[in-house]
Amino acid sequence: MRIAALVLGVVGAVFGLIAAVLALGIGGVGSAFNAQRAGTVVNLGLGAIGFAVLGLIGGSVAIAKPRAAAALLSIAADQRTAARRWLFDLFPALLIWTGLFTIVAR
């Protein structure tokens, strides 16, 4: 179960990072065309990058420190779900399942 937590945590974080960069690009294009609330998309992308990195750290320490990994993954998934947008729906779910796998593996 710890290896599954490691793999799912890293995969969820990497795809979340890709989605965050895509959101930054969409927000940047929106800002270039003076679209309304394009700054919100950029801010959500910046926040998603931070929580994707937190999820990546949590996933990578799933084998060595499962309790810390579960806490990091739960925080990252919770915060990314709070800033939920269309690109970020799948990745918090991966991080939530990874946190549960890490807790069960103890």
Protein backbone atom coordinates (compact mmCIF):
# COMPACT_ATOMS: atom_id res chain seq x y z
CA MET A 1 0.00 0.00 0.00
CA ARG A 2 2.87 2.38 0.64
CA ILE A 3 4.17 1.94 -2.88
CA ALA A 4 0.67 2.64 -4.21
CA ALA A 5 0.60 5.78 -2.07
CA LEU A 6 3.98 6.84 -3.43
CA VAL A 7 2.97 6.30 -7.05
CA LEU A 8 -0.48 7.89 -6.77
CA GLY A 9 0.88 10.85 -4.81
CA VAL A 10 3.58 11.59 -7.33
CA VAL A 11 1.26 11.07 -10.32
CA GLY A 12 -1.46 13.27 -8.81
CA ALA A 13 1.03 15.99 -7.97
CA VAL A 14 2.69 15.96 -11.41
CA PHE A 15 -0.63 16.13 -13.23
CA GLY A 16 -1.75 18.84 -10.82
CA LEU A 17 1.41 20.78 -11.62
CA ILE A 18 0.71 20.44 -15.35
CA ALA A 19 -2.87 21.66 -14.82
CA ALA A 20 -1.62 24.59 -12.73
CA VAL A 21 0.81 25.67 -15.45
CA LEU A 22 -2.01 25.37 -17.97
CA ALA A 23 -4.21 27.54 -15.76
CA LEU A 24 -1.42 30.12 -15.55
CA GLY A 25 -1.21 30.13 -19.33
CA ILE A 26 -4.96 30.52 -19.75
CA GLY A 27 -5.01 33.31 -17.18
CA GLY A 28 -2.10 35.03 -18.91
CA VAL A 29 -3.85 34.91 -22.26
CA GLY A 30 -7.00 36.22 -20.59
CA SER A 31 -5.04 39.07 -19.03
CA ALA A 32 -3.50 39.90 -22.41
CA PHE A 33 -6.99 40.31 -23.85
CA ASN A 34 -8.24 42.18 -20.74
CA ALA A 35 -10.76 39.47 -19.87
CA GLN A 36 -12.72 39.86 -16.67
CA ARG A 37 -11.44 37.88 -13.68
CA ALA A 38 -8.36 36.64 -15.53
CA GLY A 39 -6.34 37.59 -12.46
CA THR A 40 -8.37 35.10 -10.44
CA VAL A 41 -7.36 32.30 -12.79
CA VAL A 42 -3.71 33.32 -12.45
CA ASN A 43 -3.97 33.40 -8.65
CA LEU A 44 -5.61 29.97 -8.60
CA GLY A 45 -2.83 28.65 -10.84
CA LEU A 46 -0.17 30.01 -8.48
CA GLY A 47 -1.90 28.46 -5.49
CA ALA A 48 -2.25 25.16 -7.31
CA ILE A 49 1.49 25.11 -8.04
CA GLY A 50 2.23 25.47 -4.33
CA PHE A 51 -0.15 22.71 -3.34
CA ALA A 52 1.06 20.46 -6.17
CA VAL A 53 4.58 20.80 -4.79
CA LEU A 54 3.26 20.03 -1.30
CA GLY A 55 1.50 16.94 -2.69
CA LEU A 56 4.70 15.91 -4.47
CA ILE A 57 6.65 16.16 -1.24
CA GLY A 58 3.95 14.21 0.59
CA GLY A 59 3.88 11.50 -2.05
CA SER A 60 7.63 11.15 -2.12
CA VAL A 61 7.92 10.56 1.64
CA ALA A 62 5.05 8.04 1.74
CA ILE A 63 7.35 5.08 2.34
CA ALA A 64 9.72 6.63 4.88
CA LYS A 65 7.26 8.69 6.96
CA PRO A 66 3.67 7.61 6.31
CA ARG A 67 2.08 9.77 9.00
CA ALA A 68 3.74 12.96 7.73
CA ALA A 69 2.94 11.98 4.16
CA ALA A 70 -0.73 11.48 4.99
CA ALA A 71 -0.86 14.91 6.64
CA LEU A 72 0.84 16.65 3.73
CA LEU A 73 -1.32 14.90 1.15
CA SER A 74 -4.50 15.67 3.06
CA ILE A 75 -3.60 19.35 3.36
CA ALA A 76 -2.71 19.59 -0.32
CA ALA A 77 -5.90 17.82 -1.40
CA ASP A 78 -8.08 19.90 0.92
CA GLN A 79 -6.68 23.23 -0.23
CA ARG A 80 -6.80 22.30 -3.89
CA THR A 81 -10.39 21.18 -3.49
CA ALA A 82 -11.24 24.53 -1.85
CA ALA A 83 -9.81 26.36 -4.88
CA ARG A 84 -11.60 23.96 -7.18
CA ARG A 85 -11.91 24.74 -10.82
CA TRP A 86 -12.52 22.61 -13.89
CA LEU A 87 -8.90 21.51 -14.30
CA PHE A 88 -8.35 20.59 -10.67
CA ASP A 89 -11.14 18.07 -10.06
CA LEU A 90 -9.27 14.81 -10.62
CA PHE A 91 -6.00 15.61 -8.90
CA PRO A 92 -7.27 16.31 -5.37
CA ALA A 93 -9.14 13.01 -5.58
CA LEU A 94 -5.86 11.23 -6.33
CA LEU A 95 -4.22 12.95 -3.38
CA ILE A 96 -7.11 12.09 -1.05
CA TRP A 97 -6.92 8.40 -2.01
CA THR A 98 -3.16 8.49 -1.59
CA GLY A 99 -3.51 9.92 1.91
CA LEU A 100 -5.98 7.17 2.78
CA PHE A 101 -3.65 4.50 1.39
CA THR A 102 -0.83 5.92 3.49
CA ILE A 103 -2.92 5.86 6.65
CA VAL A 104 -4.13 2.30 6.01
CA ALA A 105 -0.60 1.06 5.27
CA ARG A 106 0.62 1.82 8.79
